[in-house]
Amino acid sequence: VKMDLNFNLLETGSLALAIIATSFTLQDGS
């Protein structure tokens, strides 16, 4: 089955923003 890691623009953009927002949220330990 030809499954790749291309989740399309909208889906990948949502994933990127979620990871970036979480990383900023947890950067100070409080």
mmCIF file of all heavy atoms, coordinates in Angstrom:
data_MODEL
# 
_entry.id   MODEL 
# 
loop_
_atom_site.group_PDB 
_atom_site.id 
_atom_site.type_symbol 
_atom_site.label_atom_id 
_atom_site.label_alt_id 
_atom_site.label_comp_id 
_atom_site.label_asym_id 
_atom_site.label_entity_id 
_atom_site.label_seq_id 
_atom_site.pdbx_PDB_ins_code 
_atom_site.Cartn_x 
_atom_site.Cartn_y 
_atom_site.Cartn_z 
_atom_site.occupancy 
_atom_site.B_iso_or_equiv 
_atom_site.pdbx_formal_charge 
_atom_site.auth_seq_id 
_atom_site.auth_comp_id 
_atom_site.auth_asym_id 
_atom_site.auth_atom_id 
_atom_site.pdbx_PDB_model_num 
ATOM 1   N N   . VAL A 1 1  ? 0.854  -1.188 0.000  1.00 0.00 ? 1  VAL A N   1 
ATOM 2   C CA  . VAL A 1 1  ? 0.000  0.000  0.000  1.00 0.00 ? 1  VAL A CA  1 
ATOM 3   C C   . VAL A 1 1  ? 0.889  1.238  0.000  1.00 0.00 ? 1  VAL A C   1 
ATOM 4   O O   . VAL A 1 1  ? 1.838  1.330  0.785  1.00 0.00 ? 1  VAL A O   1 
ATOM 5   C CB  . VAL A 1 1  ? -0.934 0.012  1.230  1.00 0.00 ? 1  VAL A CB  1 
ATOM 6   C CG1 . VAL A 1 1  ? -1.792 1.272  1.235  1.00 0.00 ? 1  VAL A CG1 1 
ATOM 7   C CG2 . VAL A 1 1  ? -1.815 -1.225 1.220  1.00 0.00 ? 1  VAL A CG2 1 
ATOM 8   N N   . LYS A 1 2  ? 0.600  2.192  -0.867 1.00 0.00 ? 2  LYS A N   1 
ATOM 9   C CA  . LYS A 1 2  ? 1.447  3.378  -1.003 1.00 0.00 ? 2  LYS A CA  1 
ATOM 10  C C   . LYS A 1 2  ? 1.009  4.469  -0.030 1.00 0.00 ? 2  LYS A C   1 
ATOM 11  O O   . LYS A 1 2  ? 0.321  5.426  -0.395 1.00 0.00 ? 2  LYS A O   1 
ATOM 12  C CB  . LYS A 1 2  ? 1.406  3.893  -2.443 1.00 0.00 ? 2  LYS A CB  1 
ATOM 13  C CG  . LYS A 1 2  ? 2.034  2.939  -3.453 1.00 0.00 ? 2  LYS A CG  1 
ATOM 14  C CD  . LYS A 1 2  ? 2.049  3.540  -4.854 1.00 0.00 ? 2  LYS A CD  1 
ATOM 15  C CE  . LYS A 1 2  ? 2.738  2.603  -5.838 1.00 0.00 ? 2  LYS A CE  1 
ATOM 16  N NZ  . LYS A 1 2  ? 2.780  3.183  -7.197 1.00 0.00 ? 2  LYS A NZ  1 
ATOM 17  N N   . MET A 1 3  ? 1.400  4.308  1.222  1.00 0.00 ? 3  MET A N   1 
ATOM 18  C CA  . MET A 1 3  ? 1.146  5.341  2.232  1.00 0.00 ? 3  MET A CA  1 
ATOM 19  C C   . MET A 1 3  ? 2.431  6.117  2.487  1.00 0.00 ? 3  MET A C   1 
ATOM 20  O O   . MET A 1 3  ? 3.482  5.530  2.709  1.00 0.00 ? 3  MET A O   1 
ATOM 21  C CB  . MET A 1 3  ? 0.650  4.712  3.536  1.00 0.00 ? 3  MET A CB  1 
ATOM 22  C CG  . MET A 1 3  ? 0.474  5.717  4.665  1.00 0.00 ? 3  MET A CG  1 
ATOM 23  S SD  . MET A 1 3  ? -0.035 4.977  6.228  1.00 0.00 ? 3  MET A SD  1 
ATOM 24  C CE  . MET A 1 3  ? 0.051  6.409  7.313  1.00 0.00 ? 3  MET A CE  1 
ATOM 25  N N   . ASP A 1 4  ? 2.336  7.446  2.423  1.00 0.00 ? 4  ASP A N   1 
ATOM 26  C CA  . ASP A 1 4  ? 3.502  8.282  2.693  1.00 0.00 ? 4  ASP A CA  1 
ATOM 27  C C   . ASP A 1 4  ? 3.230  9.174  3.899  1.00 0.00 ? 4  ASP A C   1 
ATOM 28  O O   . ASP A 1 4  ? 2.191  9.056  4.565  1.00 0.00 ? 4  ASP A O   1 
ATOM 29  C CB  . ASP A 1 4  ? 3.870  9.118  1.466  1.00 0.00 ? 4  ASP A CB  1 
ATOM 30  C CG  . ASP A 1 4  ? 2.714  10.006 0.994  1.00 0.00 ? 4  ASP A CG  1 
ATOM 31  O OD1 . ASP A 1 4  ? 1.750  10.181 1.771  1.00 0.00 ? 4  ASP A OD1 1 
ATOM 32  O OD2 . ASP A 1 4  ? 2.770  10.507 -0.141 1.00 0.00 ? 4  ASP A OD2 1 
ATOM 33  N N   . LEU A 1 5  ? 4.173  10.048 4.187  1.00 0.00 ? 5  LEU A N   1 
ATOM 34  C CA  . LEU A 1 5  ? 4.054  10.959 5.326  1.00 0.00 ? 5  LEU A CA  1 
ATOM 35  C C   . LEU A 1 5  ? 3.496  12.318 4.924  1.00 0.00 ? 5  LEU A C   1 
ATOM 36  O O   . LEU A 1 5  ? 3.514  13.246 5.734  1.00 0.00 ? 5  LEU A O   1 
ATOM 37  C CB  . LEU A 1 5  ? 5.422  11.142 5.999  1.00 0.00 ? 5  LEU A CB  1 
ATOM 38  C CG  . LEU A 1 5  ? 5.990  9.909  6.698  1.00 0.00 ? 5  LEU A CG  1 
ATOM 39  C CD1 . LEU A 1 5  ? 7.399  10.190 7.209  1.00 0.00 ? 5  LEU A CD1 1 
ATOM 40  C CD2 . LEU A 1 5  ? 5.090  9.473  7.842  1.00 0.00 ? 5  LEU A CD2 1 
ATOM 41  N N   . ASN A 1 6  ? 3.020  12.445 3.701  1.00 0.00 ? 6  ASN A N   1 
ATOM 42  C CA  . ASN A 1 6  ? 2.409  13.683 3.245  1.00 0.00 ? 6  ASN A CA  1 
ATOM 43  C C   . ASN A 1 6  ? 0.955  13.711 3.706  1.00 0.00 ? 6  ASN A C   1 
ATOM 44  O O   . ASN A 1 6  ? 0.095  13.052 3.133  1.00 0.00 ? 6  ASN A O   1 
ATOM 45  C CB  . ASN A 1 6  ? 2.496  13.781 1.721  1.00 0.00 ? 6  ASN A CB  1 
ATOM 46  C CG  . ASN A 1 6  ? 1.857  15.067 1.196  1.00 0.00 ? 6  ASN A CG  1 
ATOM 47  O OD1 . ASN A 1 6  ? 1.504  15.961 1.964  1.00 0.00 ? 6  ASN A OD1 1 
ATOM 48  N ND2 . ASN A 1 6  ? 1.703  15.156 -0.119 1.00 0.00 ? 6  ASN A ND2 1 
ATOM 49  N N   . PHE A 1 7  ? 0.692  14.496 4.754  1.00 0.00 ? 7  PHE A N   1 
ATOM 50  C CA  . PHE A 1 7  ? -0.651 14.593 5.322  1.00 0.00 ? 7  PHE A CA  1 
ATOM 51  C C   . PHE A 1 7  ? -1.424 15.788 4.754  1.00 0.00 ? 7  PHE A C   1 
ATOM 52  O O   . PHE A 1 7  ? -2.424 16.195 5.332  1.00 0.00 ? 7  PHE A O   1 
ATOM 53  C CB  . PHE A 1 7  ? -0.572 14.720 6.845  1.00 0.00 ? 7  PHE A CB  1 
ATOM 54  C CG  . PHE A 1 7  ? -0.349 13.407 7.548  1.00 0.00 ? 7  PHE A CG  1 
ATOM 55  C CD1 . PHE A 1 7  ? 0.325  12.361 6.935  1.00 0.00 ? 7  PHE A CD1 1 
ATOM 56  C CD2 . PHE A 1 7  ? -0.814 13.206 8.836  1.00 0.00 ? 7  PHE A CD2 1 
ATOM 57  C CE1 . PHE A 1 7  ? 0.540  11.162 7.569  1.00 0.00 ? 7  PHE A CE1 1 
ATOM 58  C CE2 . PHE A 1 7  ? -0.603 11.996 9.490  1.00 0.00 ? 7  PHE A CE2 1 
ATOM 59  C CZ  . PHE A 1 7  ? 0.068  10.970 8.852  1.00 0.00 ? 7  PHE A CZ  1 
ATOM 60  N N   . ASN A 1 8  ? -0.950 16.353 3.624  1.00 0.00 ? 8  ASN A N   1 
ATOM 61  C CA  . ASN A 1 8  ? -1.549 17.513 2.974  1.00 0.00 ? 8  ASN A CA  1 
ATOM 62  C C   . ASN A 1 8  ? -1.289 18.797 3.760  1.00 0.00 ? 8  ASN A C   1 
ATOM 63  O O   . ASN A 1 8  ? -0.903 18.766 4.936  1.00 0.00 ? 8  ASN A O   1 
ATOM 64  C CB  . ASN A 1 8  ? -3.048 17.322 2.722  1.00 0.00 ? 8  ASN A CB  1 
ATOM 65  C CG  . ASN A 1 8  ? -3.320 16.167 1.774  1.00 0.00 ? 8  ASN A CG  1 
ATOM 66  O OD1 . ASN A 1 8  ? -2.539 15.916 0.844  1.00 0.00 ? 8  ASN A OD1 1 
ATOM 67  N ND2 . ASN A 1 8  ? -4.417 15.456 2.014  1.00 0.00 ? 8  ASN A ND2 1 
ATOM 68  N N   . LEU A 1 9  ? -1.526 19.916 3.106  1.00 0.00 ? 9  LEU A N   1 
ATOM 69  C CA  . LEU A 1 9  ? -1.111 21.207 3.649  1.00 0.00 ? 9  LEU A CA  1 
ATOM 70  C C   . LEU A 1 9  ? -1.867 21.581 4.920  1.00 0.00 ? 9  LEU A C   1 
ATOM 71  O O   . LEU A 1 9  ? -1.273 21.978 5.928  1.00 0.00 ? 9  LEU A O   1 
ATOM 72  C CB  . LEU A 1 9  ? -1.295 22.292 2.587  1.00 0.00 ? 9  LEU A CB  1 
ATOM 73  C CG  . LEU A 1 9  ? -0.869 23.713 2.987  1.00 0.00 ? 9  LEU A CG  1 
ATOM 74  C CD1 . LEU A 1 9  ? 0.615  23.743 3.340  1.00 0.00 ? 9  LEU A CD1 1 
ATOM 75  C CD2 . LEU A 1 9  ? -1.165 24.695 1.856  1.00 0.00 ? 9  LEU A CD2 1 
ATOM 76  N N   . LEU A 1 10 ? -3.188 21.477 4.889  1.00 0.00 ? 10 LEU A N   1 
ATOM 77  C CA  . LEU A 1 10 ? -3.993 21.884 6.048  1.00 0.00 ? 10 LEU A CA  1 
ATOM 78  C C   . LEU A 1 10 ? -3.685 21.020 7.260  1.00 0.00 ? 10 LEU A C   1 
ATOM 79  O O   . LEU A 1 10 ? -3.500 21.540 8.376  1.00 0.00 ? 10 LEU A O   1 
ATOM 80  C CB  . LEU A 1 10 ? -5.477 21.797 5.698  1.00 0.00 ? 10 LEU A CB  1 
ATOM 81  C CG  . LEU A 1 10 ? -6.454 22.147 6.827  1.00 0.00 ? 10 LEU A CG  1 
ATOM 82  C CD1 . LEU A 1 10 ? -6.256 23.590 7.263  1.00 0.00 ? 10 LEU A CD1 1 
ATOM 83  C CD2 . LEU A 1 10 ? -7.897 21.917 6.382  1.00 0.00 ? 10 LEU A CD2 1 
ATOM 84  N N   . GLU A 1 11 ? -3.621 19.716 7.070  1.00 0.00 ? 11 GLU A N   1 
ATOM 85  C CA  . GLU A 1 11 ? -3.369 18.804 8.184  1.00 0.00 ? 11 GLU A CA  1 
ATOM 86  C C   . GLU A 1 11 ? -1.968 18.995 8.766  1.00 0.00 ? 11 GLU A C   1 
ATOM 87  O O   . GLU A 1 11 ? -1.783 19.068 9.979  1.00 0.00 ? 11 GLU A O   1 
ATOM 88  C CB  . GLU A 1 11 ? -3.560 17.356 7.722  1.00 0.00 ? 11 GLU A CB  1 
ATOM 89  C CG  . GLU A 1 11 ? -5.002 16.966 7.435  1.00 0.00 ? 11 GLU A CG  1 
ATOM 90  C CD  . GLU A 1 11 ? -5.493 17.451 6.088  1.00 0.00 ? 11 GLU A CD  1 
ATOM 91  O OE1 . GLU A 1 11 ? -4.704 18.113 5.376  1.00 0.00 ? 11 GLU A OE1 1 
ATOM 92  O OE2 . GLU A 1 11 ? -6.658 17.178 5.738  1.00 0.00 ? 11 GLU A OE2 1 
ATOM 93  N N   . THR A 1 12 ? -0.968 19.096 7.885  1.00 0.00 ? 12 THR A N   1 
ATOM 94  C CA  . THR A 1 12 ? 0.405  19.283 8.360  1.00 0.00 ? 12 THR A CA  1 
ATOM 95  C C   . THR A 1 12 ? 0.577  20.646 9.017  1.00 0.00 ? 12 THR A C   1 
ATOM 96  O O   . THR A 1 12 ? 1.295  20.783 10.009 1.00 0.00 ? 12 THR A O   1 
ATOM 97  C CB  . THR A 1 12 ? 1.399  19.129 7.190  1.00 0.00 ? 12 THR A CB  1 
ATOM 98  O OG1 . THR A 1 12 ? 1.168  17.886 6.520  1.00 0.00 ? 12 THR A OG1 1 
ATOM 99  C CG2 . THR A 1 12 ? 2.833  19.166 7.686  1.00 0.00 ? 12 THR A CG2 1 
ATOM 100 N N   . GLY A 1 13 ? -0.077 21.664 8.466  1.00 0.00 ? 13 GLY A N   1 
ATOM 101 C CA  . GLY A 1 13 ? -0.020 22.984 9.091  1.00 0.00 ? 13 GLY A CA  1 
ATOM 102 C C   . GLY A 1 13 ? -0.634 22.982 10.484 1.00 0.00 ? 13 GLY A C   1 
ATOM 103 O O   . GLY A 1 13 ? -0.097 23.609 11.413 1.00 0.00 ? 13 GLY A O   1 
ATOM 104 N N   . SER A 1 14 ? -1.743 22.284 10.656 1.00 0.00 ? 14 SER A N   1 
ATOM 105 C CA  . SER A 1 14 ? -2.362 22.172 11.989 1.00 0.00 ? 14 SER A CA  1 
ATOM 106 C C   . SER A 1 14 ? -1.432 21.465 12.959 1.00 0.00 ? 14 SER A C   1 
ATOM 107 O O   . SER A 1 14 ? -1.293 21.870 14.125 1.00 0.00 ? 14 SER A O   1 
ATOM 108 C CB  . SER A 1 14 ? -3.686 21.410 11.881 1.00 0.00 ? 14 SER A CB  1 
ATOM 109 O OG  . SER A 1 14 ? -4.586 22.062 11.017 1.00 0.00 ? 14 SER A OG  1 
ATOM 110 N N   . LEU A 1 15 ? -0.772 20.399 12.486 1.00 0.00 ? 15 LEU A N   1 
ATOM 111 C CA  . LEU A 1 15 ? 0.175  19.676 13.332 1.00 0.00 ? 15 LEU A CA  1 
ATOM 112 C C   . LEU A 1 15 ? 1.337  20.578 13.731 1.00 0.00 ? 15 LEU A C   1 
ATOM 113 O O   . LEU A 1 15 ? 1.755  20.590 14.896 1.00 0.00 ? 15 LEU A O   1 
ATOM 114 C CB  . LEU A 1 15 ? 0.682  18.442 12.581 1.00 0.00 ? 15 LEU A CB  1 
ATOM 115 C CG  . LEU A 1 15 ? 1.748  17.600 13.281 1.00 0.00 ? 15 LEU A CG  1 
ATOM 116 C CD1 . LEU A 1 15 ? 1.200  17.006 14.568 1.00 0.00 ? 15 LEU A CD1 1 
ATOM 117 C CD2 . LEU A 1 15 ? 2.266  16.507 12.358 1.00 0.00 ? 15 LEU A CD2 1 
ATOM 118 N N   . ALA A 1 16 ? 1.870  21.337 12.778 1.00 0.00 ? 16 ALA A N   1 
ATOM 119 C CA  . ALA A 1 16 ? 2.999  22.224 13.068 1.00 0.00 ? 16 ALA A CA  1 
ATOM 120 C C   . ALA A 1 16 ? 2.627  23.275 14.108 1.00 0.00 ? 16 ALA A C   1 
ATOM 121 O O   . ALA A 1 16 ? 3.379  23.522 15.072 1.00 0.00 ? 16 ALA A O   1 
ATOM 122 C CB  . ALA A 1 16 ? 3.481  22.889 11.780 1.00 0.00 ? 16 ALA A CB  1 
ATOM 123 N N   . LEU A 1 17 ? 1.485  23.899 13.924 1.00 0.00 ? 17 LEU A N   1 
ATOM 124 C CA  . LEU A 1 17 ? 1.060  24.935 14.870 1.00 0.00 ? 17 LEU A CA  1 
ATOM 125 C C   . LEU A 1 17 ? 0.799  24.356 16.256 1.00 0.00 ? 17 LEU A C   1 
ATOM 126 O O   . LEU A 1 17 ? 1.087  24.999 17.272 1.00 0.00 ? 17 LEU A O   1 
ATOM 127 C CB  . LEU A 1 17 ? -0.190 25.632 14.339 1.00 0.00 ? 17 LEU A CB  1 
ATOM 128 C CG  . LEU A 1 17 ? 0.016  26.480 13.079 1.00 0.00 ? 17 LEU A CG  1 
ATOM 129 C CD1 . LEU A 1 17 ? -1.311 27.032 12.573 1.00 0.00 ? 17 LEU A CD1 1 
ATOM 130 C CD2 . LEU A 1 17 ? 0.981  27.630 13.368 1.00 0.00 ? 17 LEU A CD2 1 
ATOM 131 N N   . ALA A 1 18 ? 0.255  23.130 16.314 1.00 0.00 ? 18 ALA A N   1 
ATOM 132 C CA  . ALA A 1 18 ? 0.005  22.496 17.611 1.00 0.00 ? 18 ALA A CA  1 
ATOM 133 C C   . ALA A 1 18 ? 1.311  22.217 18.338 1.00 0.00 ? 18 ALA A C   1 
ATOM 134 O O   . ALA A 1 18 ? 1.434  22.474 19.551 1.00 0.00 ? 18 ALA A O   1 
ATOM 135 C CB  . ALA A 1 18 ? -0.781 21.204 17.414 1.00 0.00 ? 18 ALA A CB  1 
ATOM 136 N N   . ILE A 1 19 ? 2.309  21.704 17.631 1.00 0.00 ? 19 ILE A N   1 
ATOM 137 C CA  . ILE A 1 19 ? 3.604  21.401 18.262 1.00 0.00 ? 19 ILE A CA  1 
ATOM 138 C C   . ILE A 1 19 ? 4.301  22.682 18.703 1.00 0.00 ? 19 ILE A C   1 
ATOM 139 O O   . ILE A 1 19 ? 4.854  22.754 19.811 1.00 0.00 ? 19 ILE A O   1 
ATOM 140 C CB  . ILE A 1 19 ? 4.484  20.598 17.288 1.00 0.00 ? 19 ILE A CB  1 
ATOM 141 C CG1 . ILE A 1 19 ? 3.871  19.214 17.039 1.00 0.00 ? 19 ILE A CG1 1 
ATOM 142 C CG2 . ILE A 1 19 ? 5.907  20.457 17.826 1.00 0.00 ? 19 ILE A CG2 1 
ATOM 143 C CD1 . ILE A 1 19 ? 4.599  18.392 16.003 1.00 0.00 ? 19 ILE A CD1 1 
ATOM 144 N N   . ILE A 1 20 ? 4.272  23.702 17.857 1.00 0.00 ? 20 ILE A N   1 
ATOM 145 C CA  . ILE A 1 20 ? 4.927  24.969 18.206 1.00 0.00 ? 20 ILE A CA  1 
ATOM 146 C C   . ILE A 1 20 ? 4.233  25.618 19.403 1.00 0.00 ? 20 ILE A C   1 
ATOM 147 O O   . ILE A 1 20 ? 4.890  26.102 20.343 1.00 0.00 ? 20 ILE A O   1 
ATOM 148 C CB  . ILE A 1 20 ? 4.933  25.921 16.996 1.00 0.00 ? 20 ILE A CB  1 
ATOM 149 C CG1 . ILE A 1 20 ? 5.832  25.352 15.901 1.00 0.00 ? 20 ILE A CG1 1 
ATOM 150 C CG2 . ILE A 1 20 ? 5.403  27.310 17.399 1.00 0.00 ? 20 ILE A CG2 1 
ATOM 151 C CD1 . ILE A 1 20 ? 5.755  26.117 14.592 1.00 0.00 ? 20 ILE A CD1 1 
ATOM 152 N N   . ALA A 1 21 ? 2.899  25.634 19.406 1.00 0.00 ? 21 ALA A N   1 
ATOM 153 C CA  . ALA A 1 21 ? 2.166  26.228 20.532 1.00 0.00 ? 21 ALA A CA  1 
ATOM 154 C C   . ALA A 1 21 ? 2.451  25.481 21.826 1.00 0.00 ? 21 ALA A C   1 
ATOM 155 O O   . ALA A 1 21 ? 2.645  26.097 22.895 1.00 0.00 ? 21 ALA A O   1 
ATOM 156 C CB  . ALA A 1 21 ? 0.668  26.212 20.233 1.00 0.00 ? 21 ALA A CB  1 
ATOM 157 N N   . THR A 1 22 ? 2.501  24.158 21.762 1.00 0.00 ? 22 THR A N   1 
ATOM 158 C CA  . THR A 1 22 ? 2.797  23.366 22.964 1.00 0.00 ? 22 THR A CA  1 
ATOM 159 C C   . THR A 1 22 ? 4.212  23.625 23.461 1.00 0.00 ? 22 THR A C   1 
ATOM 160 O O   . THR A 1 22 ? 4.450  23.753 24.673 1.00 0.00 ? 22 THR A O   1 
ATOM 161 C CB  . THR A 1 22 ? 2.616  21.867 22.661 1.00 0.00 ? 22 THR A CB  1 
ATOM 162 O OG1 . THR A 1 22 ? 1.291  21.639 22.192 1.00 0.00 ? 22 THR A OG1 1 
ATOM 163 C CG2 . THR A 1 22 ? 2.854  21.035 23.905 1.00 0.00 ? 22 THR A CG2 1 
ATOM 164 N N   . SER A 1 23 ? 5.170  23.710 22.544 1.00 0.00 ? 23 SER A N   1 
ATOM 165 C CA  . SER A 1 23 ? 6.558  23.944 22.941 1.00 0.00 ? 23 SER A CA  1 
ATOM 166 C C   . SER A 1 23 ? 6.711  25.301 23.620 1.00 0.00 ? 23 SER A C   1 
ATOM 167 O O   . SER A 1 23 ? 7.405  25.419 24.638 1.00 0.00 ? 23 SER A O   1 
ATOM 168 C CB  . SER A 1 23 ? 7.472  23.864 21.713 1.00 0.00 ? 23 SER A CB  1 
ATOM 169 O OG  . SER A 1 23 ? 7.404  22.581 21.116 1.00 0.00 ? 23 SER A OG  1 
ATOM 170 N N   . PHE A 1 24 ? 6.059  26.330 23.085 1.00 0.00 ? 24 PHE A N   1 
ATOM 171 C CA  . PHE A 1 24 ? 6.109  27.641 23.720 1.00 0.00 ? 24 PHE A CA  1 
ATOM 172 C C   . PHE A 1 24 ? 5.434  27.626 25.088 1.00 0.00 ? 24 PHE A C   1 
ATOM 173 O O   . PHE A 1 24 ? 5.873  28.286 26.026 1.00 0.00 ? 24 PHE A O   1 
ATOM 174 C CB  . PHE A 1 24 ? 5.442  28.688 22.819 1.00 0.00 ? 24 PHE A CB  1 
ATOM 175 C CG  . PHE A 1 24 ? 6.371  29.315 21.823 1.00 0.00 ? 24 PHE A CG  1 
ATOM 176 C CD1 . PHE A 1 24 ? 6.326  28.937 20.500 1.00 0.00 ? 24 PHE A CD1 1 
ATOM 177 C CD2 . PHE A 1 24 ? 7.311  30.258 22.219 1.00 0.00 ? 24 PHE A CD2 1 
ATOM 178 C CE1 . PHE A 1 24 ? 7.192  29.484 19.571 1.00 0.00 ? 24 PHE A CE1 1 
ATOM 179 C CE2 . PHE A 1 24 ? 8.179  30.821 21.302 1.00 0.00 ? 24 PHE A CE2 1 
ATOM 180 C CZ  . PHE A 1 24 ? 8.130  30.441 19.966 1.00 0.00 ? 24 PHE A CZ  1 
ATOM 181 N N   . THR A 1 25 ? 4.351  26.862 25.199 1.00 0.00 ? 25 THR A N   1 
ATOM 182 C CA  . THR A 1 25 ? 3.612  26.810 26.460 1.00 0.00 ? 25 THR A CA  1 
ATOM 183 C C   . THR A 1 25 ? 4.439  26.202 27.578 1.00 0.00 ? 25 THR A C   1 
ATOM 184 O O   . THR A 1 25 ? 4.345  26.627 28.739 1.00 0.00 ? 25 THR A O   1 
ATOM 185 C CB  . THR A 1 25 ? 2.318  25.992 26.262 1.00 0.00 ? 25 THR A CB  1 
ATOM 186 O OG1 . THR A 1 25 ? 1.521  26.603 25.255 1.00 0.00 ? 25 THR A OG1 1 
ATOM 187 C CG2 . THR A 1 25 ? 1.522  25.906 27.554 1.00 0.00 ? 25 THR A CG2 1 
ATOM 188 N N   . LEU A 1 26 ? 5.269  25.229 27.261 1.00 0.00 ? 26 LEU A N   1 
ATOM 189 C CA  . LEU A 1 26 ? 5.988  24.464 28.284 1.00 0.00 ? 26 LEU A CA  1 
ATOM 190 C C   . LEU A 1 26 ? 7.433  24.889 28.455 1.00 0.00 ? 26 LEU A C   1 
ATOM 191 O O   . LEU A 1 26 ? 8.222  24.161 29.059 1.00 0.00 ? 26 LEU A O   1 
ATOM 192 C CB  . LEU A 1 26 ? 5.950  22.968 27.914 1.00 0.00 ? 26 LEU A CB  1 
ATOM 193 C CG  . LEU A 1 26 ? 4.561  22.350 27.745 1.00 0.00 ? 26 LEU A CG  1 
ATOM 194 C CD1 . LEU A 1 26 ? 4.679  20.895 27.302 1.00 0.00 ? 26 LEU A CD1 1 
ATOM 195 C CD2 . LEU A 1 26 ? 3.774  22.441 29.050 1.00 0.00 ? 26 LEU A CD2 1 
ATOM 196 N N   . GLN A 1 27 ? 7.821  26.048 27.975 1.00 0.00 ? 27 GLN A N   1 
ATOM 197 C CA  . GLN A 1 27 ? 9.235  26.390 27.952 1.00 0.00 ? 27 GLN A CA  1 
ATOM 198 C C   . GLN A 1 27 ? 9.781  26.889 29.283 1.00 0.00 ? 27 GLN A C   1 
ATOM 199 O O   . GLN A 1 27 ? 11.005 26.860 29.487 1.00 0.00 ? 27 GLN A O   1 
ATOM 200 C CB  . GLN A 1 27 ? 9.487  27.463 26.882 1.00 0.00 ? 27 GLN A CB  1 
ATOM 201 C CG  . GLN A 1 27 ? 8.792  28.791 27.140 1.00 0.00 ? 27 GLN A CG  1 
ATOM 202 C CD  . GLN A 1 27 ? 9.052  29.806 26.045 1.00 0.00 ? 27 GLN A CD  1 
ATOM 203 O OE1 . GLN A 1 27 ? 9.979  29.626 25.249 1.00 0.00 ? 27 GLN A OE1 1 
ATOM 204 N NE2 . GLN A 1 27 ? 8.267  30.859 25.983 1.00 0.00 ? 27 GLN A NE2 1 
ATOM 205 N N   . ASP A 1 28 ? 8.937  27.304 30.231 1.00 0.00 ? 28 ASP A N   1 
ATOM 206 C CA  . ASP A 1 28 ? 9.466  27.921 31.452 1.00 0.00 ? 28 ASP A CA  1 
ATOM 207 C C   . ASP A 1 28 ? 9.303  27.072 32.708 1.00 0.00 ? 28 ASP A C   1 
ATOM 208 O O   . ASP A 1 28 ? 9.697  27.486 33.790 1.00 0.00 ? 28 ASP A O   1 
ATOM 209 C CB  . ASP A 1 28 ? 8.813  29.289 31.677 1.00 0.00 ? 28 ASP A CB  1 
ATOM 210 C CG  . ASP A 1 28 ? 7.310  29.195 31.900 1.00 0.00 ? 28 ASP A CG  1 
ATOM 211 O OD1 . ASP A 1 28 ? 6.757  28.099 31.657 1.00 0.00 ? 28 ASP A OD1 1 
ATOM 212 O OD2 . ASP A 1 28 ? 6.696  30.200 32.304 1.00 0.00 ? 28 ASP A OD2 1 
ATOM 213 N N   . GLY A 1 29 ? 8.716  25.876 32.616 1.00 0.00 ? 29 GLY A N   1 
ATOM 214 C CA  . GLY A 1 29 ? 8.622  24.996 33.780 1.00 0.00 ? 29 GLY A CA  1 
ATOM 215 C C   . GLY A 1 29 ? 7.531  25.343 34.768 1.00 0.00 ? 29 GLY A C   1 
ATOM 216 O O   . GLY A 1 29 ? 7.484  24.769 35.852 1.00 0.00 ? 29 GLY A O   1 
ATOM 217 N N   . SER A 1 30 ? 6.661  26.272 34.428 1.00 0.00 ? 30 SER A N   1 
ATOM 218 C CA  . SER A 1 30 ? 5.548  26.625 35.314 1.00 0.00 ? 30 SER A CA  1 
ATOM 219 C C   . SER A 1 30 ? 4.273  26.720 34.491 1.00 0.00 ? 30 SER A C   1 
ATOM 220 O O   . SER A 1 30 ? 4.312  26.795 33.253 1.00 0.00 ? 30 SER A O   1 
ATOM 221 C CB  . SER A 1 30 ? 5.811  27.963 36.028 1.00 0.00 ? 30 SER A CB  1 
ATOM 222 O OG  . SER A 1 30 ? 5.907  29.016 35.079 1.00 0.00 ? 30 SER A OG  1 
# 
